[in-house]
C-alpha atoms as a PDB file:
ATOM      1  CA  MET A   1      45.236 -11.365 -32.394  1.00  0.00           C
ATOM      2  CA  ALA A   2      43.540  -7.828 -32.379  1.00  0.00           C
ATOM      3  CA  GLN A   3      40.531  -8.905 -33.323  1.00  0.00           C
ATOM      4  CA  ALA A   4      40.179 -11.251 -30.410  1.00  0.00           C
ATOM      5  CA  PRO A   5      39.084  -8.239 -27.853  1.00  0.00           C
ATOM      6  CA  LEU A   6      36.528  -7.279 -30.823  1.00  0.00           C
ATOM      7  CA  ARG A   7      34.982 -10.343 -30.861  1.00  0.00           C
ATOM      8  CA  TRP A   8      35.232 -10.684 -27.153  1.00  0.00           C
ATOM      9  CA  LEU A   9      33.393  -7.016 -27.200  1.00  0.00           C
ATOM     10  CA  ASN A  10      30.741  -8.196 -29.677  1.00  0.00           C
ATOM     11  CA  ARG A  11      29.795 -11.625 -27.570  1.00  0.00           C
ATOM     12  CA  LEU A  12      29.512  -9.489 -24.746  1.00  0.00           C
ATOM     13  CA  GLY A  13      27.248  -6.814 -26.317  1.00  0.00           C
ATOM     14  CA  LYS A  14      24.978  -9.526 -27.737  1.00  0.00           C
ATOM     15  CA  ALA A  15      24.556 -10.872 -24.246  1.00  0.00           C
ATOM     16  CA  LEU A  16      23.970  -7.722 -22.676  1.00  0.00           C
ATOM     17  CA  GLY A  17      21.486  -6.785 -25.430  1.00  0.00           C
ATOM     18  CA  ALA A  18      19.842 -10.296 -24.797  1.00  0.00           C
ATOM     19  CA  LEU A  19      19.591  -9.560 -21.168  1.00  0.00           C
ATOM     20  CA  LEU A  20      18.161  -6.043 -21.507  1.00  0.00           C
ATOM     21  CA  ALA A  21      15.462  -8.111 -23.846  1.00  0.00           C
ATOM     22  CA  ALA A  22      14.602 -10.394 -21.405  1.00  0.00           C
ATOM     23  CA  LEU A  23      14.627  -7.980 -18.617  1.00  0.00           C
ATOM     24  CA  ALA A  24      11.610  -5.424 -20.423  1.00  0.00           C
ATOM     25  CA  LEU A  25       9.732  -8.801 -21.965  1.00  0.00           C
ATOM     26  CA  VAL A  26       9.453  -9.293 -17.744  1.00  0.00           C
ATOM     27  CA  VAL A  27       8.305  -5.974 -17.153  1.00  0.00           C
ATOM     28  CA  VAL A  28       5.800  -6.107 -19.543  1.00  0.00           C
ATOM     29  CA  LEU A  29       4.639  -9.377 -18.769  1.00  0.00           C
ATOM     30  CA  PHE A  30       4.476  -8.102 -15.292  1.00  0.00           C
ATOM     31  CA  PHE A  31       2.203  -5.230 -16.039  1.00  0.00           C
ATOM     32  CA  LEU A  32       0.535  -7.026 -18.575  1.00  0.00           C
ATOM     33  CA  THR A  33      -0.606  -9.888 -15.767  1.00  0.00           C
ATOM     34  CA  GLY A  34      -1.438  -6.918 -13.421  1.00  0.00           C
ATOM     35  CA  TRP A  35      -3.886  -5.654 -15.519  1.00  0.00           C
ATOM     36  CA  ILE A  36      -5.488  -9.217 -15.993  1.00  0.00           C
ATOM     37  CA  GLY A  37      -5.553 -10.103 -12.597  1.00  0.00           C
ATOM     38  CA  SER A  38      -6.835  -7.088 -11.297  1.00  0.00           C
ATOM     39  CA  SER A  39      -9.518  -7.386 -13.827  1.00  0.00           C
ATOM     40  CA  ILE A  40     -10.994 -10.849 -12.788  1.00  0.00           C
ATOM     41  CA  PRO A  41     -13.344 -10.281  -9.818  1.00  0.00           C
ATOM     42  CA  ARG A  42     -12.726 -12.285  -6.653  1.00  0.00           C
ATOM     43  CA  ASN A  43     -16.426 -11.504  -5.433  1.00  0.00           C
ATOM     44  CA  GLY A  44     -19.399 -10.455  -6.008  1.00  0.00           C
ATOM     45  CA  GLU A  45     -21.004  -7.013  -7.137  1.00  0.00           C
ATOM     46  CA  THR A  46     -20.244  -4.342  -4.398  1.00  0.00           C
ATOM     47  CA  PRO A  47     -24.270  -4.354  -2.614  1.00  0.00           C
ATOM     48  CA  ALA A  48     -25.710  -0.924  -2.588  1.00  0.00           C
ATOM     49  CA  ILE A  49     -26.047   0.177   0.968  1.00  0.00           C
ATOM     50  CA  ALA A  50     -28.361   2.564   2.168  1.00  0.00           C
ATOM     51  CA  ASP A  51     -27.339   2.771   6.143  1.00  0.00           C
ATOM     52  CA  GLY A  52     -24.239   1.963   7.255  1.00  0.00           C
ATOM     53  CA  VAL A  53     -20.561   2.782   7.261  1.00  0.00           C
ATOM     54  CA  THR A  54     -19.036   5.669   4.641  1.00  0.00           C
ATOM     55  CA  ILE A  55     -15.350   4.720   4.013  1.00  0.00           C
ATOM     56  CA  MET A  56     -13.217   5.975   0.646  1.00  0.00           C
ATOM     57  CA  VAL A  57     -10.304   4.798  -1.044  1.00  0.00           C
ATOM     58  CA  GLU A  58      -7.919   7.164  -1.899  1.00  0.00           C
ATOM     59  CA  THR A  59      -5.234   7.153  -4.559  1.00  0.00           C
ATOM     60  CA  ASN A  60      -1.973   9.219  -5.551  1.00  0.00           C
ATOM     61  CA  GLY A  61      -1.845   7.419  -8.493  1.00  0.00           C
ATOM     62  CA  THR A  62       1.142   4.821  -7.191  1.00  0.00           C
ATOM     63  CA  HIS A  63      -0.609   3.996  -3.659  1.00  0.00           C
ATOM     64  CA  THR A  64      -3.932   3.670  -2.453  1.00  0.00           C
ATOM     65  CA  GLY A  65      -5.501   3.568   0.988  1.00  0.00           C
ATOM     66  CA  ILE A  66      -8.493   3.588   3.077  1.00  0.00           C
ATOM     67  CA  VAL A  67     -10.055   6.447   4.780  1.00  0.00           C
ATOM     68  CA  MET A  68     -12.206   6.023   7.672  1.00  0.00           C
ATOM     69  CA  PRO A  69     -14.028   7.728  10.385  1.00  0.00           C
ATOM     70  CA  VAL A  70     -11.424   7.971  13.475  1.00  0.00           C
ATOM     71  CA  VAL A  71     -14.730   6.803  15.896  1.00  0.00           C
ATOM     72  CA  THR A  72     -17.917   4.892  14.920  1.00  0.00           C
ATOM     73  CA  ALA A  73     -20.050   2.291  17.093  1.00  0.00           C
ATOM     74  CA  GLN A  74     -17.591  -0.443  15.507  1.00  0.00           C
ATOM     75  CA  LYS A  75     -14.513   0.882  16.309  1.00  0.00           C
ATOM     76  CA  ASP A  76     -12.848   3.861  18.136  1.00  0.00           C
ATOM     77  CA  TRP A  77      -9.210   4.060  16.057  1.00  0.00           C
ATOM     78  CA  ARG A  78      -7.535   6.267  18.470  1.00  0.00           C
ATOM     79  CA  GLU A  79      -7.006   2.922  20.822  1.00  0.00           C
ATOM     80  CA  THR A  80      -5.438   1.400  17.962  1.00  0.00           C
ATOM     81  CA  PHE A  81      -3.320   4.291  16.358  1.00  0.00           C
ATOM     82  CA  PRO A  82      -1.962   7.243  18.903  1.00  0.00           C
ATOM     83  CA  SER A  83      -1.577   9.741  16.646  1.00  0.00           C
ATOM     84  CA  ALA A  84      -5.549   9.913  15.527  1.00  0.00           C
ATOM     85  CA  ILE A  85      -5.818  11.877  18.868  1.00  0.00           C
ATOM     86  CA  ILE A  86      -4.568  14.795  17.886  1.00  0.00           C
ATOM     87  CA  ARG A  87      -2.723  16.187  14.594  1.00  0.00           C
ATOM     88  CA  PRO A  88       0.800  17.832  14.329  1.00  0.00           C
ATOM     89  CA  ASP A  89      -0.894  21.284  13.221  1.00  0.00           C
ATOM     90  CA  GLY A  90      -3.296  20.768  16.673  1.00  0.00           C
ATOM     91  CA  ARG A  91      -6.464  19.920  15.074  1.00  0.00           C
ATOM     92  CA  ILE A  92      -8.269  16.961  15.494  1.00  0.00           C
ATOM     93  CA  PRO A  93      -8.906  14.426  12.888  1.00  0.00           C
ATOM     94  CA  THR A  94     -12.410  12.951  12.137  1.00  0.00           C
ATOM     95  CA  HIS A  95     -11.158  10.265  10.084  1.00  0.00           C
ATOM     96  CA  ILE A  96      -7.808   8.534   9.226  1.00  0.00           C
ATOM     97  CA  ALA A  97      -6.156   6.855   5.800  1.00  0.00           C
ATOM     98  CA  ILE A  98      -4.786   3.749   6.321  1.00  0.00           C
ATOM     99  CA  GLY A  99      -2.071   2.210   4.001  1.00  0.00           C
ATOM    100  CA  TRP A 100       0.599  -0.782   4.097  1.00  0.00           C
ATOM    101  CA  GLY A 101       4.239  -0.845   2.300  1.00  0.00           C
ATOM    102  CA  GLU A 102       7.224  -1.214   2.159  1.00  0.00           C
ATOM    103  CA  ARG A 103       9.333   0.759   5.753  1.00  0.00           C
ATOM    104  CA  GLU A 104      12.451   2.294   3.573  1.00  0.00           C
ATOM    105  CA  VAL A 105      10.198   3.539   0.468  1.00  0.00           C
ATOM    106  CA  PHE A 106       7.389   4.757   3.372  1.00  0.00           C
ATOM    107  CA  LEU A 107       9.947   6.201   5.885  1.00  0.00           C
ATOM    108  CA  ASN A 108      12.714   7.512   3.675  1.00  0.00           C
ATOM    109  CA  VAL A 109      11.799   7.741   0.165  1.00  0.00           C
ATOM    110  CA  PRO A 110       9.865  11.404  -0.081  1.00  0.00           C
ATOM    111  CA  THR A 111       9.578  11.165  -3.961  1.00  0.00           C
ATOM    112  CA  TRP A 112      10.255   8.377  -6.737  1.00  0.00           C
ATOM    113  CA  GLY A 113      13.234  10.395  -7.906  1.00  0.00           C
ATOM    114  CA  ASP A 114      14.832   9.792  -4.626  1.00  0.00           C
ATOM    115  CA  LEU A 115      14.372   6.393  -4.462  1.00  0.00           C
ATOM    116  CA  LYS A 116      18.077   4.507  -4.637  1.00  0.00           C
ATOM    117  CA  ALA A 117      18.510   1.813  -7.517  1.00  0.00           C
ATOM    118  CA  SER A 118      19.914  -0.537  -4.720  1.00  0.00           C
ATOM    119  CA  THR A 119      16.615  -0.164  -2.627  1.00  0.00           C
ATOM    120  CA  ALA A 120      14.538  -0.979  -5.960  1.00  0.00           C
ATOM    121  CA  LEU A 121      16.736  -4.063  -6.651  1.00  0.00           C
ATOM    122  CA  ARG A 122      16.322  -5.258  -3.193  1.00  0.00           C
ATOM    123  CA  ILE A 123      12.552  -5.033  -3.153  1.00  0.00           C
ATOM    124  CA  ALA A 124      12.505  -6.592  -6.231  1.00  0.00           C
ATOM    125  CA  ILE A 125      14.702  -9.647  -5.123  1.00  0.00           C
ATOM    126  CA  MET A 126      14.350  -9.671  -1.710  1.00  0.00           C
ATOM    127  CA  GLY A 127      11.243  -8.087  -0.757  1.00  0.00           C
ATOM    128  CA  GLY A 128      10.993  -5.853   2.407  1.00  0.00           C
ATOM    129  CA  GLU A 129       9.896  -5.337   5.899  1.00  0.00           C
ATOM    130  CA  PRO A 130       6.410  -3.629   5.784  1.00  0.00           C
ATOM    131  CA  VAL A 131       5.175  -0.687   7.972  1.00  0.00           C
ATOM    132  CA  MET A 132       1.328   0.694   8.402  1.00  0.00           C
ATOM    133  CA  ARG A 133       1.079   4.305   7.567  1.00  0.00           C
ATOM    134  CA  VAL A 134      -1.893   6.140   8.817  1.00  0.00           C
ATOM    135  CA  SER A 135      -2.842   9.509   7.739  1.00  0.00           C
ATOM    136  CA  HIS A 136      -5.384  11.956  10.008  1.00  0.00           C
ATOM    137  CA  TYR A 137      -7.630  14.225   7.635  1.00  0.00           C
ATOM    138  CA  VAL A 138     -10.466  16.753   9.079  1.00  0.00           C
ATOM    139  CA  ARG A 139     -13.600  15.949   7.120  1.00  0.00           C
ATOM    140  CA  PRO A 140     -11.899  14.794   3.751  1.00  0.00           C
ATOM    141  CA  ALA A 141     -14.167  15.239   0.411  1.00  0.00           C
ATOM    142  CA  PRO A 142     -15.349  13.211  -2.069  1.00  0.00           C
ATOM    143  CA  SER A 143     -13.155  13.449  -4.979  1.00  0.00           C
ATOM    144  CA  ASP A 144     -12.007  11.489  -8.032  1.00  0.00           C
ATOM    145  CA  THR A 145      -8.683  10.193  -5.962  1.00  0.00           C
ATOM    146  CA  HIS A 146     -10.750  10.025  -2.869  1.00  0.00           C
ATOM    147  CA  ARG A 147     -13.671   8.013  -3.570  1.00  0.00           C
ATOM    148  CA  PRO A 148     -16.570   7.092  -1.079  1.00  0.00           C
ATOM    149  CA  VAL A 149     -18.306   4.049  -0.599  1.00  0.00           C
ATOM    150  CA  THR A 150     -20.955   3.026   1.792  1.00  0.00           C
ATOM    151  CA  ILE A 151     -20.735  -0.465   3.580  1.00  0.00           C
ATOM    152  CA  SER A 152     -22.681  -2.628   5.546  1.00  0.00           C
ATOM    153  CA  ARG A 153     -21.751  -2.484   9.414  1.00  0.00           C
ATOM    154  CA  GLU A 154     -20.919  -6.079   9.594  1.00  0.00           C
ATOM    155  CA  ALA A 155     -18.850  -5.447   6.411  1.00  0.00           C
ATOM    156  CA  TYR A 156     -17.119  -2.594   8.285  1.00  0.00           C
ATOM    157  CA  ASP A 157     -16.366  -5.111  11.322  1.00  0.00           C
ATOM    158  CA  ARG A 158     -14.337  -7.450   9.277  1.00  0.00           C
ATOM    159  CA  LEU A 159     -12.668  -4.450   7.432  1.00  0.00           C
ATOM    160  CA  VAL A 160     -11.590  -3.189  11.243  1.00  0.00           C
ATOM    161  CA  THR A 161     -10.647  -7.059  11.911  1.00  0.00           C
ATOM    162  CA  ALA A 162      -8.882  -7.727   8.665  1.00  0.00           C
ATOM    163  CA  ILE A 163      -6.486  -4.135   8.896  1.00  0.00           C
ATOM    164  CA  GLU A 164      -5.834  -5.249  12.994  1.00  0.00           C
ATOM    165  CA  ALA A 165      -4.731  -8.496  11.732  1.00  0.00           C
ATOM    166  CA  SER A 166      -1.753  -6.499   9.796  1.00  0.00           C
ATOM    167  CA  LEU A 167      -0.596  -5.257  13.141  1.00  0.00           C
ATOM    168  CA  PRO A 168       1.668  -6.978  15.873  1.00  0.00           C
ATOM    169  CA  PRO A 169       0.026  -7.408  19.344  1.00  0.00           C
ATOM    170  CA  ALA A 170       0.787  -4.560  21.495  1.00  0.00           C
ATOM    171  CA  GLU A 171       0.289  -4.472  25.112  1.00  0.00           C
ATOM    172  CA  ALA A 172       0.945  -0.510  25.601  1.00  0.00           C
ATOM    173  CA  PRO A 173       0.715   2.514  22.906  1.00  0.00           C
ATOM    174  CA  ARG A 174       2.445   1.296  19.720  1.00  0.00           C
ATOM    175  CA  GLU A 175       5.499   2.751  19.089  1.00  0.00           C
ATOM    176  CA  ILE A 176       4.760   5.968  16.217  1.00  0.00           C
ATOM    177  CA  LEU A 177       7.215   5.698  13.676  1.00  0.00           C
ATOM    178  CA  ARG A 178       7.992   9.127  11.177  1.00  0.00           C
ATOM    179  CA  GLY A 179       8.739   9.476   7.779  1.00  0.00           C
ATOM    180  CA  THR A 180       9.507  12.275   5.071  1.00  0.00           C
ATOM    181  CA  ASN A 181       6.034  13.074   5.510  1.00  0.00           C
ATOM    182  CA  PRO A 182       5.718  14.732   9.277  1.00  0.00           C
ATOM    183  CA  ALA A 183       1.952  14.954   9.409  1.00  0.00           C
ATOM    184  CA  ASP A 184       1.845  10.909   8.437  1.00  0.00           C
ATOM    185  CA  ALA A 185       2.302   8.134  11.358  1.00  0.00           C
ATOM    186  CA  TYR A 186       3.958   4.820  10.767  1.00  0.00           C
ATOM    187  CA  TYR A 187       3.731   1.979  12.695  1.00  0.00           C
ATOM    188  CA  HIS A 188       5.335  -1.676  12.674  1.00  0.00           C
ATOM    189  CA  ALA A 189       3.181  -3.768  10.557  1.00  0.00           C
ATOM    190  CA  THR A 190       3.673  -7.659   9.700  1.00  0.00           C
ATOM    191  CA  GLY A 191       3.848  -9.851   6.211  1.00  0.00           C
ATOM    192  CA  SER A 192       6.048  -9.069   3.803  1.00  0.00           C
ATOM    193  CA  TYR A 193       6.043  -6.710   0.866  1.00  0.00           C
ATOM    194  CA  THR A 194       7.331  -8.111  -2.126  1.00  0.00           C
ATOM    195  CA  LEU A 195       6.614  -7.324  -6.357  1.00  0.00           C
ATOM    196  CA  ALA A 196       4.141 -10.208  -6.187  1.00  0.00           C
ATOM    197  CA  TYR A 197       2.286  -8.415  -2.511  1.00  0.00           C
ATOM    198  CA  THR A 198       2.095  -4.905  -2.831  1.00  0.00           C
ATOM    199  CA  CYS A 199       0.926  -2.006  -1.131  1.00  0.00           C
ATOM    200  CA  ASN A 200      -2.040  -2.427  -3.589  1.00  0.00           C
ATOM    201  CA  ASN A 201      -2.410  -5.734  -3.002  1.00  0.00           C
ATOM    202  CA  TRP A 202      -2.977  -5.479   0.251  1.00  0.00           C
ATOM    203  CA  VAL A 203      -5.686  -2.394   0.215  1.00  0.00           C
ATOM    204  CA  GLY A 204      -7.627  -4.889  -2.641  1.00  0.00           C
ATOM    205  CA  ASP A 205      -7.156  -7.503  -0.171  1.00  0.00           C
ATOM    206  CA  MET A 206      -8.727  -5.219   2.657  1.00  0.00           C
ATOM    207  CA  LEU A 207     -11.645  -3.946   0.562  1.00  0.00           C
ATOM    208  CA  ALA A 208     -12.440  -7.373  -0.550  1.00  0.00           C
ATOM    209  CA  GLU A 209     -13.286  -8.546   3.213  1.00  0.00           C
ATOM    210  CA  ALA A 210     -15.709  -5.571   3.379  1.00  0.00           C
ATOM    211  CA  ASP A 211     -17.595  -7.103   0.443  1.00  0.00           C
ATOM    212  CA  ILE A 212     -16.396  -4.459  -1.992  1.00  0.00           C
ATOM    213  CA  GLN A 213     -16.006  -6.027  -5.453  1.00  0.00           C
ATOM    214  CA  MET A 214     -11.682  -6.362  -6.213  1.00  0.00           C
ATOM    215  CA  GLY A 215      -9.897  -8.078  -8.597  1.00  0.00           C
ATOM    216  CA  TRP A 216      -7.859 -11.100  -7.900  1.00  0.00           C
ATOM    217  CA  TRP A 217      -4.396  -9.714  -8.223  1.00  0.00           C
ATOM    218  CA  THR A 218      -4.288  -5.808  -7.637  1.00  0.00           C
ATOM    219  CA  PRO A 219      -0.300  -4.964  -7.231  1.00  0.00           C
ATOM    220  CA  PHE A 220      -1.112  -0.972  -9.227  1.00  0.00           C
ATOM    221  CA  ALA A 221      -3.074   1.896  -7.930  1.00  0.00           C
ATOM    222  CA  GLY A 222      -5.521   1.582 -11.342  1.00  0.00           C
ATOM    223  CA  GLY A 223      -6.196  -2.164 -10.325  1.00  0.00           C
ATOM    224  CA  VAL A 224      -7.915  -0.998  -7.204  1.00  0.00           C
ATOM    225  CA  MET A 225      -9.460   2.164  -8.252  1.00  0.00           C
ATOM    226  CA  LYS A 226     -11.239   0.600 -11.532  1.00  0.00           C
ATOM    227  CA  TRP A 227     -13.712  -1.222  -9.015  1.00  0.00           C
ATOM    228  CA  ILE A 228     -14.511   2.144  -7.024  1.00  0.00           C
ATOM    229  CA  GLU A 229     -17.303   4.419  -8.560  1.00  0.00           C
ATOM    230  CA  ALA A 230     -16.020   7.956  -8.959  1.00  0.00           C
ATOM    231  CA  PRO A 231     -18.133  10.475  -7.244  1.00  0.00           C
ATOM    232  CA  GLU A 232     -20.569  12.425  -9.583  1.00  0.00           C
ATOM    233  CA  PRO A 233     -19.212  16.212 -10.018  1.00  0.00           C
ATOM    234  CA  SER A 234     -21.256  18.765  -7.719  1.00  0.00           C
END
């Protein structure tokens, strides 16, 4: 009789081991698929443009974003994002950086160490509601993490249209949401954040609309940035 619990524990241990092995395989396959998917181009090479609109693609190693002038002949982002008029420190921004991501993570998770296991599990299984993050810069300098690329004015028009399509209609000034970074503003966005469609997938889609060569599936920051040439060291 005493051996029955031991046999049960042994079987439970084997089942848990098999489950962990299966989860590890899923994670490996996810990263492998992300690398392969981001390496297959969906469009032609990024054209060399001498006279157009210079944007930047930024990364912090996890998220990517698109940096654009606040005002151009094509678009005045102050009309879309009230926070682009003036920064909390009183300075007037020259550029904004736009990203798209999961609401709970963007608003309430300052570092990955603050991410609750329950939140991560919920996002992995059910997905999440998105928001658009807007950062406000004053003359950002090119660097390895802020890579400039000049696109045609027609391509910039398409980029603007694609970004605005990820925002719900607004007849009045948009509500500004605040998160863990007081310098950033957040806005309601459309779509659904999932493991199959992440913040970096969204950035990849936006850049592809602007004639920038991009991979088919870019769930990770590196999958986006490898298509953007780093600036020459100054």
